[in-house]
N, C-alpha and C. Protein backbone atom coordinates (compact mmCIF):
# COMPACT_ATOMS: atom_id res chain seq x y z
N UNK A 1 28.98 11.20 -4.02
CA UNK A 1 29.33 11.30 -5.41
C UNK A 1 29.29 12.60 -6.02
N UNK A 2 30.16 13.17 -6.90
CA UNK A 2 30.36 14.56 -7.40
C UNK A 2 29.57 14.71 -8.44
N UNK A 3 28.54 15.58 -8.68
CA UNK A 3 27.82 15.88 -9.74
C UNK A 3 27.54 17.54 -9.96
N UNK A 4 27.79 17.60 -11.47
CA UNK A 4 27.52 18.82 -11.83
C UNK A 4 26.37 18.83 -12.95
N UNK A 5 25.39 19.64 -12.62
CA UNK A 5 24.32 19.75 -13.60
C UNK A 5 23.81 21.23 -14.28
N UNK A 6 23.95 21.19 -15.52
CA UNK A 6 23.86 22.41 -16.27
C UNK A 6 22.45 22.45 -16.56
N UNK A 7 22.01 23.77 -16.73
CA UNK A 7 20.58 23.94 -17.05
C UNK A 7 20.47 25.58 -17.71
N UNK A 8 19.57 25.72 -18.34
CA UNK A 8 19.30 27.02 -18.90
C UNK A 8 19.47 27.03 -20.43
N UNK A 9 19.94 26.11 -20.95
CA UNK A 9 20.14 26.07 -22.61
C UNK A 9 18.72 25.98 -23.16
N UNK A 10 18.84 26.34 -24.79
CA UNK A 10 17.45 26.35 -25.35
C UNK A 10 17.71 26.85 -26.75
N UNK A 11 16.86 27.33 -27.17
CA UNK A 11 16.81 27.85 -28.78
C UNK A 11 16.46 29.24 -28.50
N UNK A 12 17.19 30.09 -29.15
CA UNK A 12 17.27 31.54 -29.27
C UNK A 12 17.47 32.09 -30.47
N UNK A 13 16.86 33.28 -30.84
CA UNK A 13 17.48 33.99 -32.29
C UNK A 13 18.72 34.76 -31.89
N UNK A 14 19.33 34.98 -32.94
CA UNK A 14 20.44 35.71 -32.85
C UNK A 14 20.18 37.31 -32.21
N UNK A 15 21.06 37.67 -31.61
CA UNK A 15 20.80 38.82 -30.79
C UNK A 15 20.36 38.46 -29.35
N UNK A 16 19.74 37.16 -29.11
CA UNK A 16 19.00 37.08 -27.80
C UNK A 16 20.09 36.93 -26.82
N UNK A 17 19.37 36.42 -25.65
CA UNK A 17 20.03 36.25 -24.23
C UNK A 17 19.79 34.85 -23.76
N UNK A 18 20.72 34.14 -22.96
CA UNK A 18 20.50 33.04 -22.39
C UNK A 18 21.24 33.15 -21.16
N UNK A 19 20.94 32.44 -20.17
CA UNK A 19 21.59 32.27 -18.88
C UNK A 19 21.82 30.93 -18.46
N UNK A 20 22.90 30.38 -18.52
CA UNK A 20 23.00 28.89 -18.16
C UNK A 20 23.30 28.93 -16.59
N UNK A 21 23.20 27.83 -15.85
CA UNK A 21 23.45 27.54 -14.56
C UNK A 21 24.11 26.29 -14.43
N UNK A 22 25.06 26.24 -13.49
CA UNK A 22 25.55 24.87 -13.13
C UNK A 22 25.57 24.59 -11.62
N UNK A 23 24.78 23.79 -11.40
CA UNK A 23 24.84 23.40 -9.74
C UNK A 23 25.76 22.24 -9.41
N UNK A 24 26.51 22.27 -8.46
CA UNK A 24 27.22 21.20 -8.04
C UNK A 24 26.71 20.55 -6.76
N UNK A 25 26.69 19.29 -6.65
CA UNK A 25 26.44 18.54 -5.23
C UNK A 25 27.36 17.45 -5.17
N UNK A 26 27.40 17.16 -4.05
CA UNK A 26 28.26 15.79 -3.59
C UNK A 26 29.63 16.59 -2.87
N UNK A 27 29.78 17.50 -3.16
CA UNK A 27 31.01 18.44 -2.66
C UNK A 27 31.06 19.67 -3.08
N UNK A 28 31.65 20.36 -2.23
CA UNK A 28 31.81 21.83 -2.68
C UNK A 28 33.08 22.04 -3.54
N UNK A 29 32.93 22.98 -4.19
CA UNK A 29 33.94 23.46 -5.30
C UNK A 29 34.45 25.02 -5.03
N UNK A 30 33.94 25.52 -3.73
CA UNK A 30 34.51 26.76 -3.45
C UNK A 30 35.72 27.30 -3.39
N UNK A 31 36.48 26.28 -3.37
CA UNK A 31 38.09 26.64 -3.48
C UNK A 31 38.59 26.27 -4.84
N UNK A 32 37.82 25.83 -5.94
CA UNK A 32 38.45 25.29 -7.17
C UNK A 32 37.73 26.43 -8.36
N UNK A 33 38.48 26.78 -9.28
CA UNK A 33 38.08 27.55 -10.39
C UNK A 33 36.92 26.81 -11.01
N UNK A 34 36.26 27.45 -11.71
CA UNK A 34 34.87 26.95 -12.39
C UNK A 34 34.85 27.42 -13.88
N UNK A 35 34.64 26.41 -14.66
CA UNK A 35 34.81 26.86 -16.18
C UNK A 35 33.66 26.55 -16.79
N UNK A 36 33.27 26.94 -18.02
CA UNK A 36 32.49 26.73 -19.06
C UNK A 36 33.34 26.68 -20.13
N UNK A 37 32.85 25.40 -21.05
CA UNK A 37 33.32 25.08 -22.19
C UNK A 37 32.14 24.64 -23.13
N UNK A 38 32.62 24.63 -24.54
CA UNK A 38 31.33 24.33 -25.54
C UNK A 38 31.85 23.34 -26.53
N UNK A 39 30.97 22.52 -27.14
CA UNK A 39 31.68 21.78 -28.32
C UNK A 39 30.28 21.60 -29.26
N UNK A 40 30.72 22.21 -30.45
CA UNK A 40 29.85 22.19 -31.66
C UNK A 40 30.04 21.02 -32.14
N UNK A 41 28.96 20.52 -32.77
CA UNK A 41 29.07 18.93 -33.72
C UNK A 41 30.13 18.81 -34.25
N UNK A 42 31.25 17.64 -34.04
CA UNK A 42 32.36 17.44 -35.13
C UNK A 42 33.38 18.36 -34.87
N UNK A 43 33.54 19.17 -33.55
CA UNK A 43 34.50 19.92 -33.42
C UNK A 43 35.22 19.44 -31.91
N UNK A 44 35.99 20.07 -31.48
CA UNK A 44 36.94 20.01 -30.15
C UNK A 44 35.91 20.66 -29.33
N UNK A 45 36.19 20.34 -28.02
CA UNK A 45 35.62 21.12 -26.79
C UNK A 45 36.56 22.29 -26.72
N UNK A 46 35.93 23.42 -26.72
CA UNK A 46 36.64 24.68 -26.40
C UNK A 46 36.35 25.52 -25.32
N UNK A 47 37.27 26.25 -24.46
CA UNK A 47 37.07 27.19 -23.27
C UNK A 47 36.22 28.09 -23.86
N UNK A 48 35.47 28.52 -22.78
CA UNK A 48 34.52 29.64 -23.02
C UNK A 48 34.88 30.70 -21.89
N UNK A 49 34.90 30.35 -20.76
CA UNK A 49 35.09 31.30 -19.69
C UNK A 49 35.41 30.52 -18.40
N UNK A 50 36.06 31.17 -17.47
CA UNK A 50 36.40 30.59 -16.12
C UNK A 50 36.60 31.56 -15.12
N UNK A 51 36.32 31.03 -13.95
CA UNK A 51 36.32 32.12 -12.79
C UNK A 51 36.86 31.37 -11.58
N UNK A 52 37.70 32.11 -10.85
CA UNK A 52 38.34 31.48 -9.75
C UNK A 52 37.53 31.57 -8.49
N UNK A 53 37.84 31.02 -7.31
CA UNK A 53 36.98 30.85 -6.34
C UNK A 53 36.72 32.24 -5.80
N UNK A 54 37.52 33.12 -5.91
CA UNK A 54 37.23 34.47 -5.22
C UNK A 54 36.14 35.17 -6.23
N UNK A 55 36.04 34.79 -7.38
CA UNK A 55 35.14 35.53 -8.32
C UNK A 55 35.51 36.80 -8.94
N UNK A 56 37.05 37.02 -8.74
CA UNK A 56 37.76 38.20 -9.35
C UNK A 56 38.44 37.64 -10.58
N UNK A 57 38.52 38.69 -11.24
CA UNK A 57 39.35 38.41 -12.75
C UNK A 57 38.97 37.29 -13.41
N UNK A 58 37.78 37.09 -13.89
CA UNK A 58 37.37 35.90 -14.84
C UNK A 58 38.21 36.06 -16.00
N UNK A 59 38.22 34.80 -16.66
CA UNK A 59 38.92 34.61 -17.94
C UNK A 59 37.85 34.29 -19.04
N UNK A 60 37.94 34.81 -20.22
CA UNK A 60 37.16 34.75 -21.13
C UNK A 60 37.82 34.52 -22.48
N UNK A 61 37.40 33.45 -23.40
CA UNK A 61 37.76 33.10 -24.76
C UNK A 61 37.62 34.80 -25.51
N UNK A 62 38.45 34.89 -26.44
CA UNK A 62 38.34 36.29 -27.29
C UNK A 62 36.88 36.22 -27.84
N UNK A 63 36.40 35.20 -28.26
CA UNK A 63 35.38 35.05 -28.99
C UNK A 63 33.97 35.50 -28.46
N UNK A 64 34.17 35.33 -27.00
CA UNK A 64 32.85 35.88 -26.31
C UNK A 64 33.20 37.01 -25.33
N UNK A 65 34.32 37.82 -25.28
CA UNK A 65 34.55 38.92 -24.51
C UNK A 65 33.67 39.88 -24.92
N UNK A 66 33.06 40.44 -24.04
CA UNK A 66 32.18 41.72 -23.90
C UNK A 66 30.62 41.24 -24.28
N UNK A 67 30.52 39.78 -24.36
CA UNK A 67 29.25 39.33 -24.67
C UNK A 67 28.55 38.44 -23.53
N UNK A 68 29.54 37.80 -23.02
CA UNK A 68 29.36 36.70 -22.08
C UNK A 68 29.96 37.13 -20.56
N UNK A 69 29.21 36.96 -19.57
CA UNK A 69 29.77 37.07 -18.30
C UNK A 69 29.46 35.77 -17.31
N UNK A 70 30.89 35.40 -16.41
CA UNK A 70 30.42 34.32 -15.88
C UNK A 70 30.59 34.92 -14.31
N UNK A 71 29.78 34.13 -13.62
CA UNK A 71 29.74 34.53 -12.02
C UNK A 71 29.55 33.20 -11.31
N UNK A 72 29.76 33.50 -10.04
CA UNK A 72 29.68 32.35 -9.08
C UNK A 72 28.90 32.76 -7.81
N UNK A 73 28.26 31.69 -7.13
CA UNK A 73 27.64 32.01 -5.74
C UNK A 73 27.98 30.77 -5.10
N UNK A 74 29.22 30.81 -4.26
CA UNK A 74 29.76 29.77 -3.45
C UNK A 74 28.67 29.57 -2.46
N UNK A 75 28.24 30.14 -1.78
CA UNK A 75 27.09 29.74 -0.83
C UNK A 75 25.95 28.56 -1.36
N UNK A 76 25.76 28.92 -2.85
CA UNK A 76 24.74 28.04 -3.52
C UNK A 76 25.57 26.93 -4.35
N UNK A 77 27.09 26.92 -4.19
CA UNK A 77 27.64 25.87 -4.98
C UNK A 77 27.10 26.04 -6.64
N UNK A 78 26.95 27.23 -7.07
CA UNK A 78 26.47 27.32 -8.48
C UNK A 78 27.51 28.59 -9.22
N UNK A 79 27.66 28.01 -10.52
CA UNK A 79 28.17 28.99 -11.43
C UNK A 79 27.40 29.35 -12.64
N UNK A 80 27.25 30.61 -12.92
CA UNK A 80 26.53 30.88 -13.93
C UNK A 80 27.28 31.58 -15.21
N UNK A 81 26.69 31.44 -16.38
CA UNK A 81 27.04 32.20 -17.55
C UNK A 81 26.00 32.88 -18.21
N UNK A 82 26.02 34.20 -18.36
CA UNK A 82 25.20 35.03 -18.84
C UNK A 82 25.68 35.35 -20.42
N UNK A 83 24.76 34.90 -21.17
CA UNK A 83 25.23 35.00 -22.66
C UNK A 83 24.18 36.02 -23.30
N UNK A 84 24.83 37.03 -23.88
CA UNK A 84 24.05 38.16 -24.54
C UNK A 84 24.56 38.39 -26.08
N UNK A 85 23.85 38.94 -26.63
CA UNK A 85 24.37 38.99 -28.30
C UNK A 85 24.82 37.66 -28.96
N UNK A 86 23.71 36.81 -28.65
CA UNK A 86 24.30 35.54 -29.13
C UNK A 86 24.26 35.59 -30.76
N UNK A 87 25.00 34.76 -31.27
CA UNK A 87 25.48 34.53 -32.62
C UNK A 87 25.31 32.75 -32.94
N UNK A 88 25.10 32.66 -34.37
CA UNK A 88 24.80 31.33 -34.78
C UNK A 88 25.95 30.47 -34.33
N UNK A 89 27.16 31.12 -34.59
CA UNK A 89 28.40 30.36 -34.13
C UNK A 89 28.69 30.06 -32.73
N UNK A 90 27.67 30.67 -31.88
CA UNK A 90 27.60 30.04 -30.27
C UNK A 90 26.78 29.01 -30.20
N UNK A 91 26.26 28.37 -31.19
CA UNK A 91 25.63 27.03 -30.95
C UNK A 91 26.60 26.11 -30.76
N UNK A 92 26.09 25.13 -29.74
CA UNK A 92 27.17 24.34 -29.18
C UNK A 92 26.39 23.59 -28.00
N UNK A 93 26.80 22.61 -27.52
CA UNK A 93 26.48 21.87 -26.32
C UNK A 93 27.52 22.51 -25.46
N UNK A 94 27.07 23.04 -24.33
CA UNK A 94 27.88 23.97 -23.15
C UNK A 94 28.08 23.07 -21.90
N UNK A 95 29.13 22.89 -21.42
CA UNK A 95 29.69 22.19 -20.43
C UNK A 95 30.19 22.90 -19.36
N UNK A 96 29.90 22.44 -17.91
CA UNK A 96 30.66 23.27 -17.18
C UNK A 96 31.69 22.39 -16.28
N UNK A 97 32.60 22.51 -15.55
CA UNK A 97 33.59 21.71 -15.08
C UNK A 97 34.29 22.42 -14.08
N UNK A 98 34.97 21.80 -12.98
CA UNK A 98 35.66 22.46 -11.88
C UNK A 98 36.86 22.14 -12.15
N UNK A 99 38.02 23.15 -11.87
CA UNK A 99 39.37 22.91 -12.15
C UNK A 99 39.95 21.81 -11.11
N UNK A 100 40.83 20.98 -11.73
CA UNK A 100 41.70 20.06 -10.85
C UNK A 100 42.49 20.38 -9.69
N UNK A 101 42.91 21.94 -9.93
CA UNK A 101 43.72 22.52 -8.93
C UNK A 101 42.99 23.55 -8.30
N UNK A 102 43.22 23.72 -7.21
CA UNK A 102 42.84 25.04 -6.38
C UNK A 102 43.65 26.28 -6.77
N UNK A 103 44.59 25.87 -7.71
CA UNK A 103 45.58 27.01 -7.81
C UNK A 103 45.29 27.30 -9.41
N UNK A 104 44.50 27.91 -9.72
CA UNK A 104 43.90 28.10 -11.36
C UNK A 104 44.71 29.50 -11.77
N UNK A 105 45.20 29.17 -12.96
CA UNK A 105 46.00 30.65 -13.60
C UNK A 105 45.43 30.87 -14.83
N UNK A 106 44.38 30.40 -15.09
CA UNK A 106 43.82 30.93 -16.53
C UNK A 106 44.02 29.81 -17.48
N UNK A 107 44.21 28.64 -17.20
CA UNK A 107 44.36 27.73 -18.39
C UNK A 107 42.93 27.41 -19.13
N UNK A 108 43.04 27.37 -20.32
CA UNK A 108 41.82 26.92 -21.15
C UNK A 108 42.06 25.66 -21.58
N UNK A 109 42.75 24.80 -20.85
CA UNK A 109 43.15 23.54 -21.35
C UNK A 109 42.14 22.58 -20.78
N UNK A 110 41.02 21.68 -21.57
CA UNK A 110 40.18 20.95 -21.03
C UNK A 110 40.57 20.01 -19.77
N UNK A 111 41.73 19.47 -20.21
CA UNK A 111 42.47 18.53 -19.26
C UNK A 111 42.91 18.88 -17.77
N UNK A 112 42.81 20.27 -17.71
CA UNK A 112 42.99 20.98 -16.38
C UNK A 112 41.67 20.94 -15.66
N UNK A 113 40.81 20.57 -16.15
CA UNK A 113 39.47 20.47 -15.54
C UNK A 113 39.03 19.07 -15.26
N UNK A 114 38.07 19.04 -14.23
CA UNK A 114 37.51 17.63 -14.08
C UNK A 114 36.16 17.58 -13.74
N UNK A 115 35.53 16.71 -13.33
CA UNK A 115 34.14 16.51 -12.79
C UNK A 115 33.23 17.33 -13.72
N UNK A 116 33.14 17.18 -15.00
CA UNK A 116 32.10 17.56 -15.94
C UNK A 116 30.93 17.31 -15.97
N UNK A 117 30.07 18.28 -16.31
CA UNK A 117 28.49 18.01 -16.20
C UNK A 117 28.24 17.35 -17.44
N UNK A 118 26.88 17.17 -17.75
CA UNK A 118 26.33 16.35 -18.79
C UNK A 118 26.22 17.28 -20.08
N UNK A 119 26.24 18.76 -19.92
CA UNK A 119 25.91 19.44 -20.79
C UNK A 119 24.48 20.14 -21.13
N UNK A 120 24.49 20.90 -21.77
CA UNK A 120 23.19 21.75 -22.18
C UNK A 120 23.14 22.26 -23.59
N UNK A 121 22.46 22.06 -24.44
CA UNK A 121 22.28 22.48 -25.64
C UNK A 121 22.02 24.01 -25.84
N UNK A 122 22.76 24.88 -26.47
CA UNK A 122 22.38 25.99 -26.88
C UNK A 122 22.25 26.10 -28.24
N UNK A 123 21.18 26.77 -28.91
CA UNK A 123 20.95 26.87 -30.44
C UNK A 123 20.58 28.02 -30.87
N UNK A 124 21.26 28.94 -31.66
CA UNK A 124 21.13 30.19 -31.97
C UNK A 124 20.86 30.25 -33.46
N UNK A 125 19.65 30.74 -33.82
CA UNK A 125 19.04 30.70 -35.08
C UNK A 125 19.27 31.77 -35.77
N UNK A 126 19.62 32.03 -37.03
CA UNK A 126 19.83 33.14 -37.75
C UNK A 126 18.84 33.80 -38.28
């Protein structure tokens, strides 16, 4: 059974940092792109960042460029999201997911991702 488990969320003040992790088990995702999405209460799930299997040329939403960094360790089947300079508007449940296709070209559409984790809450206080 495929399972993605996020961790690292929490409560942080504006300007603080958090590092999220997403560990995959049950199968390897080393050939899939891995993405992070977030969903605030009452809002749609939105793309945050994604990284292809090679780790090269990651993709970011404009709202997080320059503040967030996505990375992956294929040997550990784990993807990370380093979040710096956090803002109250970053408050959301953060989810990781694996791309449905091994040929990922930067889609921000959640439907192009499957095998979602259960999410981890990130709360940024002002």
